[in-house]
């Protein structure tokens, strides 16, 4: 039987050790964001190997220092392998603490330096654009940090993965100059066969 994508199943997926997280920036140490959105420099990549399918559940982005005006976020998928060149690997962790030491099928990578392979056949899932410098927003005009939660109606749902090649979830953040912050990405993993079973 094919997998049901009813959002009410999310906790069941956690119980079944299907939901994983990857972080860019930790505790009180933020990571540097890019200064603009460039197709070959995503801030985070979740690489989905052949025979695996993921369903993105959440991406949250919190800024710490923005440095300048114009804050942008783009979350998208691609149907090729952006590769691991110029990246630092983050080992995803299960959201079920019983299986916290059990590796998932996907790897996550964040930008170290340089470009990745150009993503192909991309689908844009969520976009944010904020004109003023976020650090300068005070009083009642507070800025809500970025939340992509497609199964709760925030952004477009996606199924990422194929039976024969790597695919990927890509997270881009661009903000003026010297911007830092945190990216947290969560997804559910399935085998290709069980996901598309009749």
C-alpha atoms as a PDB file:
ATOM      1  CA  UNK A   1       0.000   0.000   0.000  1.00  0.00           C
ATOM      2  CA  UNK A   2       1.316   3.469  -0.890  1.00  0.00           C
ATOM      3  CA  UNK A   3       2.273   5.886   1.877  1.00  0.00           C
ATOM      4  CA  UNK A   4      -0.535   8.189   3.070  1.00  0.00           C
ATOM      5  CA  UNK A   5       0.579  11.826   3.211  1.00  0.00           C
ATOM      6  CA  UNK A   6      -2.092  12.897   5.676  1.00  0.00           C
ATOM      7  CA  UNK A   7      -0.401  15.487   7.969  1.00  0.00           C
ATOM      8  CA  UNK A   8      -1.893  13.627  10.927  1.00  0.00           C
ATOM      9  CA  UNK A   9       0.641  10.849  10.214  1.00  0.00           C
ATOM     10  CA  UNK A  10       3.617  13.042  11.101  1.00  0.00           C
ATOM     11  CA  UNK A  11       3.974  11.760  14.675  1.00  0.00           C
ATOM     12  CA  UNK A  12       3.624   8.186  13.419  1.00  0.00           C
ATOM     13  CA  UNK A  13       6.526   8.826  11.021  1.00  0.00           C
ATOM     14  CA  UNK A  14       8.600  10.042  13.964  1.00  0.00           C
ATOM     15  CA  UNK A  15       7.718   6.859  15.861  1.00  0.00           C
ATOM     16  CA  UNK A  16       8.747   4.757  12.831  1.00  0.00           C
ATOM     17  CA  UNK A  17      12.164   6.502  12.702  1.00  0.00           C
ATOM     18  CA  UNK A  18      11.448   8.195   9.382  1.00  0.00           C
ATOM     19  CA  UNK A  19      11.930  11.852  10.385  1.00  0.00           C
ATOM     20  CA  UNK A  20      15.391  13.421  10.442  1.00  0.00           C
ATOM     21  CA  UNK A  21      16.847  16.849  11.060  1.00  0.00           C
ATOM     22  CA  UNK A  22      19.902  18.761   9.878  1.00  0.00           C
ATOM     23  CA  UNK A  23      21.257  21.997  11.330  1.00  0.00           C
ATOM     24  CA  UNK A  24      23.378  24.838   9.991  1.00  0.00           C
ATOM     25  CA  UNK A  25      24.614  26.762  13.011  1.00  0.00           C
ATOM     26  CA  UNK A  26      24.331  25.398  16.541  1.00  0.00           C
ATOM     27  CA  UNK A  27      23.497  26.614  20.051  1.00  0.00           C
ATOM     28  CA  UNK A  28      25.007  30.144  20.210  1.00  0.00           C
ATOM     29  CA  UNK A  29      27.246  29.807  17.155  1.00  0.00           C
ATOM     30  CA  UNK A  30      25.473  31.008  14.007  1.00  0.00           C
ATOM     31  CA  UNK A  31      26.746  30.352  10.502  1.00  0.00           C
ATOM     32  CA  UNK A  32      27.400  32.942   7.827  1.00  0.00           C
ATOM     33  CA  UNK A  33      24.730  33.256   5.146  1.00  0.00           C
ATOM     34  CA  UNK A  34      25.392  34.104   1.521  1.00  0.00           C
ATOM     35  CA  UNK A  35      24.994  37.733   0.483  1.00  0.00           C
ATOM     36  CA  UNK A  36      22.644  36.946  -2.414  1.00  0.00           C
ATOM     37  CA  UNK A  37      20.738  34.046  -3.936  1.00  0.00           C
ATOM     38  CA  UNK A  38      23.009  32.266  -6.420  1.00  0.00           C
ATOM     39  CA  UNK A  39      21.864  29.005  -8.009  1.00  0.00           C
ATOM     40  CA  UNK A  40      25.150  27.167  -7.331  1.00  0.00           C
ATOM     41  CA  UNK A  41      25.646  28.263  -3.699  1.00  0.00           C
ATOM     42  CA  UNK A  42      22.765  26.928  -1.594  1.00  0.00           C
ATOM     43  CA  UNK A  43      23.354  27.289   2.138  1.00  0.00           C
ATOM     44  CA  UNK A  44      22.095  23.755   2.767  1.00  0.00           C
ATOM     45  CA  UNK A  45      21.550  20.663   0.637  1.00  0.00           C
ATOM     46  CA  UNK A  46      19.714  17.481   1.615  1.00  0.00           C
ATOM     47  CA  UNK A  47      20.998  14.875  -0.857  1.00  0.00           C
ATOM     48  CA  UNK A  48      18.481  12.127  -1.600  1.00  0.00           C
ATOM     49  CA  UNK A  49      20.102   8.923  -2.941  1.00  0.00           C
ATOM     50  CA  UNK A  50      18.567   6.666  -5.612  1.00  0.00           C
ATOM     51  CA  UNK A  51      15.772   4.498  -4.258  1.00  0.00           C
ATOM     52  CA  UNK A  52      14.798   6.985  -1.537  1.00  0.00           C
ATOM     53  CA  UNK A  53      12.017   9.582  -1.375  1.00  0.00           C
ATOM     54  CA  UNK A  54      11.747  12.429   1.123  1.00  0.00           C
ATOM     55  CA  UNK A  55       8.852  14.684   2.067  1.00  0.00           C
ATOM     56  CA  UNK A  56      10.040  18.025   3.474  1.00  0.00           C
ATOM     57  CA  UNK A  57       8.237  18.780   6.746  1.00  0.00           C
ATOM     58  CA  UNK A  58       9.836  21.998   8.022  1.00  0.00           C
ATOM     59  CA  UNK A  59      12.592  24.446   7.287  1.00  0.00           C
ATOM     60  CA  UNK A  60      13.110  27.241   9.787  1.00  0.00           C
ATOM     61  CA  UNK A  61      15.575  30.090   9.389  1.00  0.00           C
ATOM     62  CA  UNK A  62      16.460  32.464  12.212  1.00  0.00           C
ATOM     63  CA  UNK A  63      18.656  35.491  11.619  1.00  0.00           C
ATOM     64  CA  UNK A  64      21.083  36.703  14.251  1.00  0.00           C
ATOM     65  CA  UNK A  65      22.867  39.582  12.529  1.00  0.00           C
ATOM     66  CA  UNK A  66      21.698  40.819   9.144  1.00  0.00           C
ATOM     67  CA  UNK A  67      24.268  43.468   8.277  1.00  0.00           C
ATOM     68  CA  UNK A  68      22.286  45.174   5.523  1.00  0.00           C
ATOM     69  CA  UNK A  69      18.928  45.542   3.830  1.00  0.00           C
ATOM     70  CA  UNK A  70      17.207  42.921   1.654  1.00  0.00           C
ATOM     71  CA  UNK A  71      16.804  39.470   3.184  1.00  0.00           C
ATOM     72  CA  UNK A  72      15.886  36.634   0.820  1.00  0.00           C
ATOM     73  CA  UNK A  73      15.140  32.938   1.180  1.00  0.00           C
ATOM     74  CA  UNK A  74      14.449  30.369  -1.526  1.00  0.00           C
ATOM     75  CA  UNK A  75      13.633  26.712  -0.859  1.00  0.00           C
ATOM     76  CA  UNK A  76      13.529  24.458  -3.894  1.00  0.00           C
ATOM     77  CA  UNK A  77      14.010  20.918  -5.174  1.00  0.00           C
ATOM     78  CA  UNK A  78      16.065  19.591  -8.090  1.00  0.00           C
ATOM     79  CA  UNK A  79      16.191  16.308 -10.014  1.00  0.00           C
ATOM     80  CA  UNK A  80      19.972  15.953 -10.221  1.00  0.00           C
ATOM     81  CA  UNK A  81      22.891  15.609  -7.818  1.00  0.00           C
ATOM     82  CA  UNK A  82      24.336  18.983  -6.766  1.00  0.00           C
ATOM     83  CA  UNK A  83      27.297  17.048  -5.399  1.00  0.00           C
ATOM     84  CA  UNK A  84      29.407  17.484  -2.279  1.00  0.00           C
ATOM     85  CA  UNK A  85      32.251  19.643  -3.584  1.00  0.00           C
ATOM     86  CA  UNK A  86      32.935  22.729  -1.447  1.00  0.00           C
ATOM     87  CA  UNK A  87      30.512  21.459   1.236  1.00  0.00           C
ATOM     88  CA  UNK A  88      30.745  20.341   4.849  1.00  0.00           C
ATOM     89  CA  UNK A  89      28.706  17.293   5.818  1.00  0.00           C
ATOM     90  CA  UNK A  90      26.198  17.327   8.660  1.00  0.00           C
ATOM     91  CA  UNK A  91      25.029  13.912   9.843  1.00  0.00           C
ATOM     92  CA  UNK A  92      21.224  14.043  10.155  1.00  0.00           C
ATOM     93  CA  UNK A  93      19.714  12.978  13.469  1.00  0.00           C
ATOM     94  CA  UNK A  94      16.468  11.054  13.985  1.00  0.00           C
ATOM     95  CA  UNK A  95      13.702  12.883  15.848  1.00  0.00           C
ATOM     96  CA  UNK A  96      12.950   9.643  17.687  1.00  0.00           C
ATOM     97  CA  UNK A  97      15.582   9.605  20.451  1.00  0.00           C
ATOM     98  CA  UNK A  98      15.384   5.809  20.593  1.00  0.00           C
ATOM     99  CA  UNK A  99      17.049   5.836  17.165  1.00  0.00           C
ATOM    100  CA  UNK A 100      19.141   9.007  17.514  1.00  0.00           C
ATOM    101  CA  UNK A 101      22.350   7.137  16.685  1.00  0.00           C
ATOM    102  CA  UNK A 102      20.847   5.389  13.641  1.00  0.00           C
ATOM    103  CA  UNK A 103      21.828   6.999  10.346  1.00  0.00           C
ATOM    104  CA  UNK A 104      19.143   7.909   7.861  1.00  0.00           C
ATOM    105  CA  UNK A 105      19.434   7.305   4.139  1.00  0.00           C
ATOM    106  CA  UNK A 106      20.065  10.969   3.231  1.00  0.00           C
ATOM    107  CA  UNK A 107      23.024  13.215   3.967  1.00  0.00           C
ATOM    108  CA  UNK A 108      22.946  16.952   4.551  1.00  0.00           C
ATOM    109  CA  UNK A 109      25.634  19.368   3.441  1.00  0.00           C
ATOM    110  CA  UNK A 110      26.154  23.041   4.122  1.00  0.00           C
ATOM    111  CA  UNK A 111      28.194  25.571   2.215  1.00  0.00           C
ATOM    112  CA  UNK A 112      31.891  25.858   3.007  1.00  0.00           C
ATOM    113  CA  UNK A 113      33.217  27.580  -0.085  1.00  0.00           C
ATOM    114  CA  UNK A 114      32.734  27.567  -3.814  1.00  0.00           C
ATOM    115  CA  UNK A 115      29.967  26.286  -6.037  1.00  0.00           C
ATOM    116  CA  UNK A 116      28.022  23.057  -6.398  1.00  0.00           C
ATOM    117  CA  UNK A 117      26.866  21.405  -9.610  1.00  0.00           C
ATOM    118  CA  UNK A 118      24.106  23.490 -11.187  1.00  0.00           C
ATOM    119  CA  UNK A 119      20.711  22.123 -10.085  1.00  0.00           C
ATOM    120  CA  UNK A 120      18.372  21.067 -12.905  1.00  0.00           C
ATOM    121  CA  UNK A 121      14.571  20.995 -13.269  1.00  0.00           C
ATOM    122  CA  UNK A 122      14.142  22.963 -10.074  1.00  0.00           C
ATOM    123  CA  UNK A 123      10.781  23.568  -8.404  1.00  0.00           C
ATOM    124  CA  UNK A 124      10.465  26.600  -6.124  1.00  0.00           C
ATOM    125  CA  UNK A 125       8.644  25.607  -2.935  1.00  0.00           C
ATOM    126  CA  UNK A 126       8.866  28.699  -0.728  1.00  0.00           C
ATOM    127  CA  UNK A 127      10.187  32.228  -1.113  1.00  0.00           C
ATOM    128  CA  UNK A 128      10.676  35.113   1.323  1.00  0.00           C
ATOM    129  CA  UNK A 129      11.760  38.672   0.535  1.00  0.00           C
ATOM    130  CA  UNK A 130      12.156  41.373   3.199  1.00  0.00           C
ATOM    131  CA  UNK A 131      13.188  44.823   1.981  1.00  0.00           C
ATOM    132  CA  UNK A 132      14.383  46.556   5.195  1.00  0.00           C
ATOM    133  CA  UNK A 133      17.352  45.470   7.297  1.00  0.00           C
ATOM    134  CA  UNK A 134      15.859  42.983   9.764  1.00  0.00           C
ATOM    135  CA  UNK A 135      18.140  44.206  12.579  1.00  0.00           C
ATOM    136  CA  UNK A 136      16.585  47.660  12.142  1.00  0.00           C
ATOM    137  CA  UNK A 137      13.002  46.414  12.571  1.00  0.00           C
ATOM    138  CA  UNK A 138      11.814  47.353  16.061  1.00  0.00           C
ATOM    139  CA  UNK A 139       8.639  48.009  18.012  1.00  0.00           C
ATOM    140  CA  UNK A 140       5.391  46.682  16.611  1.00  0.00           C
ATOM    141  CA  UNK A 141       6.877  45.929  13.186  1.00  0.00           C
ATOM    142  CA  UNK A 142       8.517  42.702  14.273  1.00  0.00           C
ATOM    143  CA  UNK A 143       9.761  40.254  11.651  1.00  0.00           C
ATOM    144  CA  UNK A 144       8.507  36.689  11.825  1.00  0.00           C
ATOM    145  CA  UNK A 145      11.385  34.332  11.180  1.00  0.00           C
ATOM    146  CA  UNK A 146      11.114  32.065   8.124  1.00  0.00           C
ATOM    147  CA  UNK A 147       8.988  28.941   8.506  1.00  0.00           C
ATOM    148  CA  UNK A 148       8.416  26.521   5.614  1.00  0.00           C
ATOM    149  CA  UNK A 149       5.832  23.957   6.766  1.00  0.00           C
ATOM    150  CA  UNK A 150       4.081  22.666   3.641  1.00  0.00           C
ATOM    151  CA  UNK A 151       1.842  20.096   5.327  1.00  0.00           C
ATOM    152  CA  UNK A 152       0.485  22.952   7.467  1.00  0.00           C
ATOM    153  CA  UNK A 153      -0.128  25.202   4.469  1.00  0.00           C
ATOM    154  CA  UNK A 154       3.070  27.295   4.585  1.00  0.00           C
ATOM    155  CA  UNK A 155       4.722  26.733   1.232  1.00  0.00           C
ATOM    156  CA  UNK A 156       4.198  24.165  -1.491  1.00  0.00           C
ATOM    157  CA  UNK A 157       4.396  20.438  -0.607  1.00  0.00           C
ATOM    158  CA  UNK A 158       7.003  18.369  -2.423  1.00  0.00           C
ATOM    159  CA  UNK A 159       8.082  14.785  -2.957  1.00  0.00           C
ATOM    160  CA  UNK A 160      11.801  14.585  -3.696  1.00  0.00           C
ATOM    161  CA  UNK A 161      13.576  11.465  -4.927  1.00  0.00           C
ATOM    162  CA  UNK A 162      13.713   8.941  -7.741  1.00  0.00           C
ATOM    163  CA  UNK A 163      14.575   5.309  -8.297  1.00  0.00           C
ATOM    164  CA  UNK A 164      17.615   5.931 -10.472  1.00  0.00           C
ATOM    165  CA  UNK A 165      19.476   9.100  -9.497  1.00  0.00           C
ATOM    166  CA  UNK A 166      20.271  11.552  -6.727  1.00  0.00           C
ATOM    167  CA  UNK A 167      17.809  14.416  -6.171  1.00  0.00           C
ATOM    168  CA  UNK A 168      18.027  17.203  -3.581  1.00  0.00           C
ATOM    169  CA  UNK A 169      16.271  19.708  -1.349  1.00  0.00           C
ATOM    170  CA  UNK A 170      18.049  23.088  -1.522  1.00  0.00           C
ATOM    171  CA  UNK A 171      17.891  25.965   0.969  1.00  0.00           C
ATOM    172  CA  UNK A 172      19.215  29.387  -0.058  1.00  0.00           C
ATOM    173  CA  UNK A 173      19.583  32.417   2.217  1.00  0.00           C
ATOM    174  CA  UNK A 174      20.898  35.774   0.982  1.00  0.00           C
ATOM    175  CA  UNK A 175      21.218  38.925   3.047  1.00  0.00           C
ATOM    176  CA  UNK A 176      23.235  42.026   2.202  1.00  0.00           C
ATOM    177  CA  UNK A 177      26.612  41.679   3.904  1.00  0.00           C
ATOM    178  CA  UNK A 178      27.957  39.850   6.975  1.00  0.00           C
ATOM    179  CA  UNK A 179      24.666  38.091   7.749  1.00  0.00           C
ATOM    180  CA  UNK A 180      24.565  35.162  10.193  1.00  0.00           C
ATOM    181  CA  UNK A 181      21.924  32.846  11.574  1.00  0.00           C
ATOM    182  CA  UNK A 182      20.594  29.316  11.802  1.00  0.00           C
ATOM    183  CA  UNK A 183      18.898  26.875   9.419  1.00  0.00           C
ATOM    184  CA  UNK A 184      16.975  23.848  10.690  1.00  0.00           C
ATOM    185  CA  UNK A 185      15.646  21.347   8.146  1.00  0.00           C
ATOM    186  CA  UNK A 186      13.325  18.395   8.832  1.00  0.00           C
ATOM    187  CA  UNK A 187      12.081  15.691   6.464  1.00  0.00           C
ATOM    188  CA  UNK A 188      10.481  12.229   6.381  1.00  0.00           C
ATOM    189  CA  UNK A 189      12.279   9.416   4.542  1.00  0.00           C
ATOM    190  CA  UNK A 190      10.731   6.500   2.665  1.00  0.00           C
ATOM    191  CA  UNK A 191      12.027   3.928   0.224  1.00  0.00           C
ATOM    192  CA  UNK A 192      10.980   4.585  -3.350  1.00  0.00           C
ATOM    193  CA  UNK A 193       9.219   1.209  -3.553  1.00  0.00           C
ATOM    194  CA  UNK A 194       7.119   1.640  -0.409  1.00  0.00           C
ATOM    195  CA  UNK A 195       6.241   5.225  -1.278  1.00  0.00           C
ATOM    196  CA  UNK A 196       4.879   4.342  -4.705  1.00  0.00           C
ATOM    197  CA  UNK A 197       3.525   0.892  -3.876  1.00  0.00           C
ATOM    198  CA  UNK A 198       0.109   0.136  -5.380  1.00  0.00           C
END
